[in-house]
Amino acid sequence: ALRAKEEGLVKFIGVTGHGLTVARMHIRSLERYDFDSVLLPYNYPLMQ
């Protein structure tokens, strides 16, 4: 992704995920690299 960004093929880099551990893994990902976006599930039943 970083090579593609250097070459002008992409502008920004993000990370996505599913499941109950996704938020924790996104936090880990943001510790490794400063991603521009994250994507994960969010709805009322899940947030209970």
ModelCIF file with pLDDT and N, C-alpha, C, O atoms, coordinates in Angstrom:
data_MODEL
#
_entry.id   MODEL 
#
_entity.id                         1 
_entity.type                       polymer 
_entity.pdbx_number_of_molecules   1 
#
_entity_poly.entity_id                      1 
_entity_poly.type                           'polypeptide(L)' 
_entity_poly.nstd_linkage                   no 
_entity_poly.nstd_monomer                   no 
_entity_poly.pdbx_seq_one_letter_code       ALRAKEEGLVKFIGVTGHGLTVARMHIRSLERYDFDSVLLPYNYPLMQ 
_entity_poly.pdbx_seq_one_letter_code_can   ALRAKEEGLVKFIGVTGHGLTVARMHIRSLERYDFDSVLLPYNYPLMQ 
_entity_poly.pdbx_strand_id                 A 
#
loop_
_entity_poly_seq.entity_id 
_entity_poly_seq.num 
_entity_poly_seq.mon_id 
_entity_poly_seq.hetero 
1 1  ALA n 
1 2  LEU n 
1 3  ARG n 
1 4  ALA n 
1 5  LYS n 
1 6  GLU n 
1 7  GLU n 
1 8  GLY n 
1 9  LEU n 
1 10 VAL n 
1 11 LYS n 
1 12 PHE n 
1 13 ILE n 
1 14 GLY n 
1 15 VAL n 
1 16 THR n 
1 17 GLY n 
1 18 HIS n 
1 19 GLY n 
1 20 LEU n 
1 21 THR n 
1 22 VAL n 
1 23 ALA n 
1 24 ARG n 
1 25 MET n 
1 26 HIS n 
1 27 ILE n 
1 28 ARG n 
1 29 SER n 
1 30 LEU n 
1 31 GLU n 
1 32 ARG n 
1 33 TYR n 
1 34 ASP n 
1 35 PHE n 
1 36 ASP n 
1 37 SER n 
1 38 VAL n 
1 39 LEU n 
1 40 LEU n 
1 41 PRO n 
1 42 TYR n 
1 43 ASN n 
1 44 TYR n 
1 45 PRO n 
1 46 LEU n 
1 47 MET n 
1 48 GLN n 
#
_struct_asym.id          A 
_struct_asym.entity_id   1 
#
loop_
_ma_qa_metric.id 
_ma_qa_metric.mode 
_ma_qa_metric.name 
_ma_qa_metric.software_group_id 
_ma_qa_metric.type 
1 global pLDDT . pLDDT 
2 local  pLDDT . pLDDT 
#
_ma_qa_metric_global.metric_id      1 
_ma_qa_metric_global.metric_value   97.77 
_ma_qa_metric_global.model_id       1 
_ma_qa_metric_global.ordinal_id     1 
#
loop_
_ma_qa_metric_local.label_asym_id 
_ma_qa_metric_local.label_comp_id 
_ma_qa_metric_local.label_seq_id 
_ma_qa_metric_local.metric_id 
_ma_qa_metric_local.metric_value 
_ma_qa_metric_local.model_id 
_ma_qa_metric_local.ordinal_id 
A ALA 1  2 98.00 1 1  
A LEU 2  2 98.00 1 2  
A ARG 3  2 98.00 1 3  
A ALA 4  2 98.00 1 4  
A LYS 5  2 98.00 1 5  
A GLU 6  2 98.00 1 6  
A GLU 7  2 98.00 1 7  
A GLY 8  2 98.00 1 8  
A LEU 9  2 98.00 1 9  
A VAL 10 2 98.00 1 10 
A LYS 11 2 98.00 1 11 
A PHE 12 2 98.00 1 12 
A ILE 13 2 98.00 1 13 
A GLY 14 2 98.00 1 14 
A VAL 15 2 98.00 1 15 
A THR 16 2 98.00 1 16 
A GLY 17 2 98.00 1 17 
A HIS 18 2 96.00 1 18 
A GLY 19 2 97.00 1 19 
A LEU 20 2 97.00 1 20 
A THR 21 2 98.00 1 21 
A VAL 22 2 98.00 1 22 
A ALA 23 2 98.00 1 23 
A ARG 24 2 98.00 1 24 
A MET 25 2 98.00 1 25 
A HIS 26 2 98.00 1 26 
A ILE 27 2 98.00 1 27 
A ARG 28 2 98.00 1 28 
A SER 29 2 98.00 1 29 
A LEU 30 2 98.00 1 30 
A GLU 31 2 98.00 1 31 
A ARG 32 2 98.00 1 32 
A TYR 33 2 98.00 1 33 
A ASP 34 2 98.00 1 34 
A PHE 35 2 98.00 1 35 
A ASP 36 2 98.00 1 36 
A SER 37 2 98.00 1 37 
A VAL 38 2 98.00 1 38 
A LEU 39 2 98.00 1 39 
A LEU 40 2 98.00 1 40 
A PRO 41 2 98.00 1 41 
A TYR 42 2 98.00 1 42 
A ASN 43 2 98.00 1 43 
A TYR 44 2 97.00 1 44 
A PRO 45 2 96.00 1 45 
A LEU 46 2 97.00 1 46 
A MET 47 2 97.00 1 47 
A GLN 48 2 96.00 1 48 
#
loop_
_atom_site.group_PDB 
_atom_site.id 
_atom_site.type_symbol 
_atom_site.label_atom_id 
_atom_site.label_alt_id 
_atom_site.label_comp_id 
_atom_site.label_asym_id 
_atom_site.label_entity_id 
_atom_site.label_seq_id 
_atom_site.pdbx_PDB_ins_code 
_atom_site.Cartn_x 
_atom_site.Cartn_y 
_atom_site.Cartn_z 
_atom_site.occupancy 
_atom_site.B_iso_or_equiv 
_atom_site.pdbx_formal_charge 
_atom_site.auth_seq_id 
_atom_site.auth_comp_id 
_atom_site.auth_asym_id 
_atom_site.auth_atom_id 
_atom_site.pdbx_PDB_model_num 
ATOM 1   N N  . ALA A 1 1  ? 0.833   -1.208 0.000  1.00 98.00 ? 1  ALA A N  1 
ATOM 2   C CA . ALA A 1 1  ? 0.000   0.000  0.000  1.00 98.00 ? 1  ALA A CA 1 
ATOM 3   C C  . ALA A 1 1  ? 0.864   1.254  0.000  1.00 98.00 ? 1  ALA A C  1 
ATOM 4   O O  . ALA A 1 1  ? 0.561   2.230  -0.686 1.00 98.00 ? 1  ALA A O  1 
ATOM 5   N N  . LEU A 1 2  ? 1.945   1.216  0.777  1.00 98.00 ? 2  LEU A N  1 
ATOM 6   C CA . LEU A 1 2  ? 2.852   2.358  0.831  1.00 98.00 ? 2  LEU A CA 1 
ATOM 7   C C  . LEU A 1 2  ? 3.557   2.565  -0.514 1.00 98.00 ? 2  LEU A C  1 
ATOM 8   O O  . LEU A 1 2  ? 3.745   3.703  -0.944 1.00 98.00 ? 2  LEU A O  1 
ATOM 9   N N  . ARG A 1 3  ? 3.942   1.482  -1.171 1.00 98.00 ? 3  ARG A N  1 
ATOM 10  C CA . ARG A 1 3  ? 4.558   1.594  -2.498 1.00 98.00 ? 3  ARG A CA 1 
ATOM 11  C C  . ARG A 1 3  ? 3.552   2.206  -3.486 1.00 98.00 ? 3  ARG A C  1 
ATOM 12  O O  . ARG A 1 3  ? 3.896   3.084  -4.278 1.00 98.00 ? 3  ARG A O  1 
ATOM 13  N N  . ALA A 1 4  ? 2.315   1.727  -3.421 1.00 98.00 ? 4  ALA A N  1 
ATOM 14  C CA . ALA A 1 4  ? 1.276   2.260  -4.311 1.00 98.00 ? 4  ALA A CA 1 
ATOM 15  C C  . ALA A 1 4  ? 1.045   3.749  -4.049 1.00 98.00 ? 4  ALA A C  1 
ATOM 16  O O  . ALA A 1 4  ? 0.786   4.511  -4.981 1.00 98.00 ? 4  ALA A O  1 
ATOM 17  N N  . LYS A 1 5  ? 1.137   4.159  -2.792 1.00 98.00 ? 5  LYS A N  1 
ATOM 18  C CA . LYS A 1 5  ? 0.977   5.569  -2.462 1.00 98.00 ? 5  LYS A CA 1 
ATOM 19  C C  . LYS A 1 5  ? 2.134   6.383  -3.022 1.00 98.00 ? 5  LYS A C  1 
ATOM 20  O O  . LYS A 1 5  ? 1.922   7.460  -3.579 1.00 98.00 ? 5  LYS A O  1 
ATOM 21  N N  . GLU A 1 6  ? 3.345   5.882  -2.881 1.00 98.00 ? 6  GLU A N  1 
ATOM 22  C CA . GLU A 1 6  ? 4.527   6.565  -3.417 1.00 98.00 ? 6  GLU A CA 1 
ATOM 23  C C  . GLU A 1 6  ? 4.419   6.737  -4.932 1.00 98.00 ? 6  GLU A C  1 
ATOM 24  O O  . GLU A 1 6  ? 4.878   7.735  -5.488 1.00 98.00 ? 6  GLU A O  1 
ATOM 25  N N  . GLU A 1 7  ? 3.814   5.762  -5.584 1.00 98.00 ? 7  GLU A N  1 
ATOM 26  C CA . GLU A 1 7  ? 3.704   5.789  -7.042 1.00 98.00 ? 7  GLU A CA 1 
ATOM 27  C C  . GLU A 1 7  ? 2.479   6.557  -7.526 1.00 98.00 ? 7  GLU A C  1 
ATOM 28  O O  . GLU A 1 7  ? 2.245   6.663  -8.730 1.00 98.00 ? 7  GLU A O  1 
ATOM 29  N N  . GLY A 1 8  ? 1.697   7.094  -6.587 1.00 98.00 ? 8  GLY A N  1 
ATOM 30  C CA . GLY A 1 8  ? 0.522   7.869  -6.971 1.00 98.00 ? 8  GLY A CA 1 
ATOM 31  C C  . GLY A 1 8  ? -0.681  7.045  -7.366 1.00 98.00 ? 8  GLY A C  1 
ATOM 32  O O  . GLY A 1 8  ? -1.628  7.572  -7.951 1.00 98.00 ? 8  GLY A O  1 
ATOM 33  N N  . LEU A 1 9  ? -0.662  5.758  -7.053 1.00 98.00 ? 9  LEU A N  1 
ATOM 34  C CA . LEU A 1 9  ? -1.794  4.893  -7.386 1.00 98.00 ? 9  LEU A CA 1 
ATOM 35  C C  . LEU A 1 9  ? -2.916  5.026  -6.362 1.00 98.00 ? 9  LEU A C  1 
ATOM 36  O O  . LEU A 1 9  ? -4.080  4.785  -6.679 1.00 98.00 ? 9  LEU A O  1 
ATOM 37  N N  . VAL A 1 10 ? -2.569  5.405  -5.142 1.00 98.00 ? 10 VAL A N  1 
ATOM 38  C CA . VAL A 1 10 ? -3.548  5.636  -4.075 1.00 98.00 ? 10 VAL A CA 1 
ATOM 39  C C  . VAL A 1 10 ? -3.142  6.903  -3.326 1.00 98.00 ? 10 VAL A C  1 
ATOM 40  O O  . VAL A 1 10 ? -1.972  7.284  -3.298 1.00 98.00 ? 10 VAL A O  1 
ATOM 41  N N  . LYS A 1 11 ? -4.131  7.537  -2.728 1.00 98.00 ? 11 LYS A N  1 
ATOM 42  C CA . LYS A 1 11 ? -3.845  8.744  -1.944 1.00 98.00 ? 11 LYS A CA 1 
ATOM 43  C C  . LYS A 1 11 ? -3.717  8.446  -0.454 1.00 98.00 ? 11 LYS A C  1 
ATOM 44  O O  . LYS A 1 11 ? -2.836  8.982  0.218  1.00 98.00 ? 11 LYS A O  1 
ATOM 45  N N  . PHE A 1 12 ? -4.601  7.588  0.059  1.00 98.00 ? 12 PHE A N  1 
ATOM 46  C CA . PHE A 1 12 ? -4.671  7.338  1.496  1.00 98.00 ? 12 PHE A CA 1 
ATOM 47  C C  . PHE A 1 12 ? -4.769  5.843  1.755  1.00 98.00 ? 12 PHE A C  1 
ATOM 48  O O  . PHE A 1 12 ? -5.092  5.061  0.861  1.00 98.00 ? 12 PHE A O  1 
ATOM 49  N N  . ILE A 1 13 ? -4.479  5.455  3.014  1.00 98.00 ? 13 ILE A N  1 
ATOM 50  C CA . ILE A 1 13 ? -4.455  4.044  3.390  1.00 98.00 ? 13 ILE A CA 1 
ATOM 51  C C  . ILE A 1 13 ? -5.299  3.826  4.634  1.00 98.00 ? 13 ILE A C  1 
ATOM 52  O O  . ILE A 1 13 ? -5.174  4.566  5.610  1.00 98.00 ? 13 ILE A O  1 
ATOM 53  N N  . GLY A 1 14 ? -6.164  2.806  4.603  1.00 98.00 ? 14 GLY A N  1 
ATOM 54  C CA . GLY A 1 14 ? -7.026  2.500  5.733  1.00 98.00 ? 14 GLY A CA 1 
ATOM 55  C C  . GLY A 1 14 ? -6.973  1.024  6.096  1.00 98.00 ? 14 GLY A C  1 
ATOM 56  O O  . GLY A 1 14 ? -6.277  0.235  5.458  1.00 98.00 ? 14 GLY A O  1 
ATOM 57  N N  . VAL A 1 15 ? -7.722  0.667  7.135  1.00 98.00 ? 15 VAL A N  1 
ATOM 58  C CA . VAL A 1 15 ? -7.786  -0.720 7.586  1.00 98.00 ? 15 VAL A CA 1 
ATOM 59  C C  . VAL A 1 15 ? -9.224  -1.039 7.968  1.00 98.00 ? 15 VAL A C  1 
ATOM 60  O O  . VAL A 1 15 ? -9.926  -0.182 8.505  1.00 98.00 ? 15 VAL A O  1 
ATOM 61  N N  . THR A 1 16 ? -9.671  -2.267 7.696  1.00 98.00 ? 16 THR A N  1 
ATOM 62  C CA . THR A 1 16 ? -11.052 -2.663 7.981  1.00 98.00 ? 16 THR A CA 1 
ATOM 63  C C  . THR A 1 16 ? -11.084 -3.969 8.753  1.00 98.00 ? 16 THR A C  1 
ATOM 64  O O  . THR A 1 16 ? -10.074 -4.664 8.864  1.00 98.00 ? 16 THR A O  1 
ATOM 65  N N  . GLY A 1 17 ? -12.260 -4.296 9.288  1.00 98.00 ? 17 GLY A N  1 
ATOM 66  C CA . GLY A 1 17 ? -12.386 -5.567 9.992  1.00 98.00 ? 17 GLY A CA 1 
ATOM 67  C C  . GLY A 1 17 ? -13.781 -5.856 10.495 1.00 98.00 ? 17 GLY A C  1 
ATOM 68  O O  . GLY A 1 17 ? -14.652 -4.986 10.519 1.00 98.00 ? 17 GLY A O  1 
ATOM 69  N N  . HIS A 1 18 ? -13.974 -7.111 10.899 1.00 96.00 ? 18 HIS A N  1 
ATOM 70  C CA . HIS A 1 18 ? -15.245 -7.600 11.434 1.00 96.00 ? 18 HIS A CA 1 
ATOM 71  C C  . HIS A 1 18 ? -14.974 -8.275 12.780 1.00 96.00 ? 18 HIS A C  1 
ATOM 72  O O  . HIS A 1 18 ? -13.826 -8.430 13.196 1.00 96.00 ? 18 HIS A O  1 
ATOM 73  N N  . GLY A 1 19 ? -16.050 -8.668 13.443 1.00 97.00 ? 19 GLY A N  1 
ATOM 74  C CA . GLY A 1 19 ? -15.907 -9.474 14.647 1.00 97.00 ? 19 GLY A CA 1 
ATOM 75  C C  . GLY A 1 19 ? -15.723 -8.670 15.918 1.00 97.00 ? 19 GLY A C  1 
ATOM 76  O O  . GLY A 1 19 ? -15.579 -7.448 15.878 1.00 97.00 ? 19 GLY A O  1 
ATOM 77  N N  . LEU A 1 20 ? -15.730 -9.362 17.044 1.00 97.00 ? 20 LEU A N  1 
ATOM 78  C CA . LEU A 1 20 ? -15.688 -8.704 18.354 1.00 97.00 ? 20 LEU A CA 1 
ATOM 79  C C  . LEU A 1 20 ? -14.327 -8.141 18.706 1.00 97.00 ? 20 LEU A C  1 
ATOM 80  O O  . LEU A 1 20 ? -14.231 -7.264 19.565 1.00 97.00 ? 20 LEU A O  1 
ATOM 81  N N  . THR A 1 21 ? -13.273 -8.621 18.064 1.00 98.00 ? 21 THR A N  1 
ATOM 82  C CA . THR A 1 21 ? -11.924 -8.144 18.395 1.00 98.00 ? 21 THR A CA 1 
ATOM 83  C C  . THR A 1 21 ? -11.452 -7.031 17.478 1.00 98.00 ? 21 THR A C  1 
ATOM 84  O O  . THR A 1 21 ? -10.319 -6.567 17.611 1.00 98.00 ? 21 THR A O  1 
ATOM 85  N N  . VAL A 1 22 ? -12.292 -6.592 16.550 1.00 98.00 ? 22 VAL A N  1 
ATOM 86  C CA . VAL A 1 22 ? -11.825 -5.672 15.517 1.00 98.00 ? 22 VAL A CA 1 
ATOM 87  C C  . VAL A 1 22 ? -11.376 -4.326 16.079 1.00 98.00 ? 22 VAL A C  1 
ATOM 88  O O  . VAL A 1 22 ? -10.353 -3.794 15.648 1.00 98.00 ? 22 VAL A O  1 
ATOM 89  N N  . ALA A 1 23 ? -12.113 -3.769 17.024 1.00 98.00 ? 23 ALA A N  1 
ATOM 90  C CA . ALA A 1 23 ? -11.729 -2.458 17.568 1.00 98.00 ? 23 ALA A CA 1 
ATOM 91  C C  . ALA A 1 23 ? -10.359 -2.542 18.244 1.00 98.00 ? 23 ALA A C  1 
ATOM 92  O O  . ALA A 1 23 ? -9.521  -1.657 18.072 1.00 98.00 ? 23 ALA A O  1 
ATOM 93  N N  . ARG A 1 24 ? -10.140 -3.606 19.010 1.00 98.00 ? 24 ARG A N  1 
ATOM 94  C CA . ARG A 1 24 ? -8.861  -3.786 19.676 1.00 98.00 ? 24 ARG A CA 1 
ATOM 95  C C  . ARG A 1 24 ? -7.730  -3.957 18.645 1.00 98.00 ? 24 ARG A C  1 
ATOM 96  O O  . ARG A 1 24 ? -6.632  -3.428 18.823 1.00 98.00 ? 24 ARG A O  1 
ATOM 97  N N  . MET A 1 25 ? -8.015  -4.698 17.571 1.00 98.00 ? 25 MET A N  1 
ATOM 98  C CA . MET A 1 25 ? -6.994  -4.887 16.537 1.00 98.00 ? 25 MET A CA 1 
ATOM 99  C C  . MET A 1 25 ? -6.732  -3.595 15.769 1.00 98.00 ? 25 MET A C  1 
ATOM 100 O O  . MET A 1 25 ? -5.601  -3.339 15.356 1.00 98.00 ? 25 MET A O  1 
ATOM 101 N N  . HIS A 1 26 ? -7.762  -2.786 15.576 1.00 98.00 ? 26 HIS A N  1 
ATOM 102 C CA . HIS A 1 26 ? -7.546  -1.493 14.910 1.00 98.00 ? 26 HIS A CA 1 
ATOM 103 C C  . HIS A 1 26 ? -6.656  -0.587 15.767 1.00 98.00 ? 26 HIS A C  1 
ATOM 104 O O  . HIS A 1 26 ? -5.817  0.148  15.248 1.00 98.00 ? 26 HIS A O  1 
ATOM 105 N N  . ILE A 1 27 ? -6.851  -0.651 17.067 1.00 98.00 ? 27 ILE A N  1 
ATOM 106 C CA . ILE A 1 27 ? -5.988  0.124  17.970 1.00 98.00 ? 27 ILE A CA 1 
ATOM 107 C C  . ILE A 1 27 ? -4.537  -0.331 17.802 1.00 98.00 ? 27 ILE A C  1 
ATOM 108 O O  . ILE A 1 27 ? -3.618  0.486  17.746 1.00 98.00 ? 27 ILE A O  1 
ATOM 109 N N  . ARG A 1 28 ? -4.352  -1.647 17.722 1.00 98.00 ? 28 ARG A N  1 
ATOM 110 C CA . ARG A 1 28 ? -3.010  -2.191 17.510 1.00 98.00 ? 28 ARG A CA 1 
ATOM 111 C C  . ARG A 1 28 ? -2.456  -1.732 16.161 1.00 98.00 ? 28 ARG A C  1 
ATOM 112 O O  . ARG A 1 28 ? -1.276  -1.396 16.055 1.00 98.00 ? 28 ARG A O  1 
ATOM 113 N N  . SER A 1 29 ? -3.299  -1.717 15.139 1.00 98.00 ? 29 SER A N  1 
ATOM 114 C CA . SER A 1 29 ? -2.861  -1.285 13.816 1.00 98.00 ? 29 SER A CA 1 
ATOM 115 C C  . SER A 1 29 ? -2.438  0.182  13.823 1.00 98.00 ? 29 SER A C  1 
ATOM 116 O O  . SER A 1 29 ? -1.451  0.554  13.189 1.00 98.00 ? 29 SER A O  1 
ATOM 117 N N  . LEU A 1 30 ? -3.188  1.007  14.540 1.00 98.00 ? 30 LEU A N  1 
ATOM 118 C CA . LEU A 1 30 ? -2.860  2.432  14.610 1.00 98.00 ? 30 LEU A CA 1 
ATOM 119 C C  . LEU A 1 30 ? -1.579  2.681  15.411 1.00 98.00 ? 30 LEU A C  1 
ATOM 120 O O  . LEU A 1 30 ? -0.929  3.714  15.251 1.00 98.00 ? 30 LEU A O  1 
ATOM 121 N N  . GLU A 1 31 ? -1.232  1.746  16.254 1.00 98.00 ? 31 GLU A N  1 
ATOM 122 C CA . GLU A 1 31 ? 0.053   1.851  16.961 1.00 98.00 ? 31 GLU A CA 1 
ATOM 123 C C  . GLU A 1 31 ? 1.219   1.544  16.017 1.00 98.00 ? 31 GLU A C  1 
ATOM 124 O O  . GLU A 1 31 ? 2.323   2.056  16.200 1.00 98.00 ? 31 GLU A O  1 
ATOM 125 N N  . ARG A 1 32 ? 0.967   0.708  15.011 1.00 98.00 ? 32 ARG A N  1 
ATOM 126 C CA . ARG A 1 32 ? 2.007   0.314  14.067 1.00 98.00 ? 32 ARG A CA 1 
ATOM 127 C C  . ARG A 1 32 ? 2.150   1.327  12.920 1.00 98.00 ? 32 ARG A C  1 
ATOM 128 O O  . ARG A 1 32 ? 3.257   1.643  12.486 1.00 98.00 ? 32 ARG A O  1 
ATOM 129 N N  . TYR A 1 33 ? 0.992   1.831  12.439 1.00 98.00 ? 33 TYR A N  1 
ATOM 130 C CA . TYR A 1 33 ? 1.016   2.767  11.312 1.00 98.00 ? 33 TYR A CA 1 
ATOM 131 C C  . TYR A 1 33 ? -0.130  3.762  11.453 1.00 98.00 ? 33 TYR A C  1 
ATOM 132 O O  . TYR A 1 33 ? -1.201  3.414  11.952 1.00 98.00 ? 33 TYR A O  1 
ATOM 133 N N  . ASP A 1 34 ? 0.089   4.981  11.021 1.00 98.00 ? 34 ASP A N  1 
ATOM 134 C CA . ASP A 1 34 ? -0.901  6.052  11.169 1.00 98.00 ? 34 ASP A CA 1 
ATOM 135 C C  . ASP A 1 34 ? -1.902  6.008  10.014 1.00 98.00 ? 34 ASP A C  1 
ATOM 136 O O  . ASP A 1 34 ? -1.850  6.833  9.102  1.00 98.00 ? 34 ASP A O  1 
ATOM 137 N N  . PHE A 1 35 ? -2.811  5.036  10.067 1.00 98.00 ? 35 PHE A N  1 
ATOM 138 C CA . PHE A 1 35 ? -3.810  4.875  9.016  1.00 98.00 ? 35 PHE A CA 1 
ATOM 139 C C  . PHE A 1 35 ? -4.721  6.099  8.925  1.00 98.00 ? 35 PHE A C  1 
ATOM 140 O O  . PHE A 1 35 ? -4.936  6.808  9.908  1.00 98.00 ? 35 PHE A O  1 
ATOM 141 N N  . ASP A 1 36 ? -5.250  6.329  7.719  1.00 98.00 ? 36 ASP A N  1 
ATOM 142 C CA . ASP A 1 36 ? -6.141  7.471  7.489  1.00 98.00 ? 36 ASP A CA 1 
ATOM 143 C C  . ASP A 1 36 ? -7.589  7.160  7.804  1.00 98.00 ? 36 ASP A C  1 
ATOM 144 O O  . ASP A 1 36 ? -8.389  8.076  7.998  1.00 98.00 ? 36 ASP A O  1 
ATOM 145 N N  . SER A 1 37 ? -7.944  5.878  7.859  1.00 98.00 ? 37 SER A N  1 
ATOM 146 C CA . SER A 1 37 ? -9.333  5.503  8.147  1.00 98.00 ? 37 SER A CA 1 
ATOM 147 C C  . SER A 1 37 ? -9.391  4.115  8.752  1.00 98.00 ? 37 SER A C  1 
ATOM 148 O O  . SER A 1 37 ? -8.485  3.299  8.575  1.00 98.00 ? 37 SER A O  1 
ATOM 149 N N  . VAL A 1 38 ? -10.470 3.864  9.467  1.00 98.00 ? 38 VAL A N  1 
ATOM 150 C CA . VAL A 1 38 ? -10.782 2.529  9.971  1.00 98.00 ? 38 VAL A CA 1 
ATOM 151 C C  . VAL A 1 38 ? -12.232 2.221  9.612  1.00 98.00 ? 38 VAL A C  1 
ATOM 152 O O  . VAL A 1 38 ? -13.024 3.125  9.348  1.00 98.00 ? 38 VAL A O  1 
ATOM 153 N N  . LEU A 1 39 ? -12.562 0.946  9.607  1.00 98.00 ? 39 LEU A N  1 
ATOM 154 C CA . LEU A 1 39 ? -13.932 0.504  9.318  1.00 98.00 ? 39 LEU A CA 1 
ATOM 155 C C  . LEU A 1 39 ? -14.233 -0.682 10.215 1.00 98.00 ? 39 LEU A C  1 
ATOM 156 O O  . LEU A 1 39 ? -13.421 -1.599 10.344 1.00 98.00 ? 39 LEU A O  1 
ATOM 157 N N  . LEU A 1 40 ? -15.425 -0.658 10.844 1.00 98.00 ? 40 LEU A N  1 
ATOM 158 C CA . LEU A 1 40 ? -15.802 -1.742 11.757 1.00 98.00 ? 40 LEU A CA 1 
ATOM 159 C C  . LEU A 1 40 ? -17.299 -1.707 12.031 1.00 98.00 ? 40 LEU A C  1 
ATOM 160 O O  . LEU A 1 40 ? -17.950 -0.696 11.767 1.00 98.00 ? 40 LEU A O  1 
ATOM 161 N N  . PRO A 1 41 ? -17.862 -2.811 12.564 1.00 98.00 ? 41 PRO A N  1 
ATOM 162 C CA . PRO A 1 41 ? -19.297 -2.857 12.838 1.00 98.00 ? 41 PRO A CA 1 
ATOM 163 C C  . PRO A 1 41 ? -19.710 -1.908 13.960 1.00 98.00 ? 41 PRO A C  1 
ATOM 164 O O  . PRO A 1 41 ? -18.960 -1.661 14.905 1.00 98.00 ? 41 PRO A O  1 
ATOM 165 N N  . TYR A 1 42 ? -20.929 -1.386 13.824 1.00 98.00 ? 42 TYR A N  1 
ATOM 166 C CA . TYR A 1 42 ? -21.496 -0.506 14.852 1.00 98.00 ? 42 TYR A CA 1 
ATOM 167 C C  . TYR A 1 42 ? -23.005 -0.500 14.693 1.00 98.00 ? 42 TYR A C  1 
ATOM 168 O O  . TYR A 1 42 ? -23.535 -0.012 13.695 1.00 98.00 ? 42 TYR A O  1 
ATOM 169 N N  . ASN A 1 43 ? -23.695 -1.052 15.693 1.00 98.00 ? 43 ASN A N  1 
ATOM 170 C CA . ASN A 1 43 ? -25.152 -0.986 15.726 1.00 98.00 ? 43 ASN A CA 1 
ATOM 171 C C  . ASN A 1 43 ? -25.606 -1.139 17.180 1.00 98.00 ? 43 ASN A C  1 
ATOM 172 O O  . ASN A 1 43 ? -24.803 -1.450 18.060 1.00 98.00 ? 43 ASN A O  1 
ATOM 173 N N  . TYR A 1 44 ? -26.874 -0.922 17.416 1.00 97.00 ? 44 TYR A N  1 
ATOM 174 C CA . TYR A 1 44 ? -27.366 -0.893 18.792 1.00 97.00 ? 44 TYR A CA 1 
ATOM 175 C C  . TYR A 1 44 ? -27.172 -2.223 19.527 1.00 97.00 ? 44 TYR A C  1 
ATOM 176 O O  . TYR A 1 44 ? -26.624 -2.215 20.630 1.00 97.00 ? 44 TYR A O  1 
ATOM 177 N N  . PRO A 1 45 ? -27.594 -3.366 18.969 1.00 96.00 ? 45 PRO A N  1 
ATOM 178 C CA . PRO A 1 45 ? -27.406 -4.620 19.718 1.00 96.00 ? 45 PRO A CA 1 
ATOM 179 C C  . PRO A 1 45 ? -25.945 -4.922 20.017 1.00 96.00 ? 45 PRO A C  1 
ATOM 180 O O  . PRO A 1 45 ? -25.618 -5.386 21.109 1.00 96.00 ? 45 PRO A O  1 
ATOM 181 N N  . LEU A 1 46 ? -25.069 -4.665 19.058 1.00 97.00 ? 46 LEU A N  1 
ATOM 182 C CA . LEU A 1 46 ? -23.659 -4.956 19.265 1.00 97.00 ? 46 LEU A CA 1 
ATOM 183 C C  . LEU A 1 46 ? -23.063 -4.120 20.383 1.00 97.00 ? 46 LEU A C  1 
ATOM 184 O O  . LEU A 1 46 ? -22.221 -4.594 21.146 1.00 97.00 ? 46 LEU A O  1 
ATOM 185 N N  . MET A 1 47 ? -23.507 -2.869 20.475 1.00 97.00 ? 47 MET A N  1 
ATOM 186 C CA . MET A 1 47 ? -22.953 -1.978 21.486 1.00 97.00 ? 47 MET A CA 1 
ATOM 187 C C  . MET A 1 47 ? -23.500 -2.256 22.886 1.00 97.00 ? 47 MET A C  1 
ATOM 188 O O  . MET A 1 47 ? -23.124 -1.578 23.842 1.00 97.00 ? 47 MET A O  1 
ATOM 189 N N  . GLN A 1 48 ? -24.380 -3.245 23.014 1.00 96.00 ? 48 GLN A N  1 
ATOM 190 C CA . GLN A 1 48 ? -24.812 -3.689 24.340 1.00 96.00 ? 48 GLN A CA 1 
ATOM 191 C C  . GLN A 1 48 ? -23.807 -4.661 24.938 1.00 96.00 ? 48 GLN A C  1 
ATOM 192 O O  . GLN A 1 48 ? -24.003 -5.143 26.053 1.00 96.00 ? 48 GLN A O  1 
#
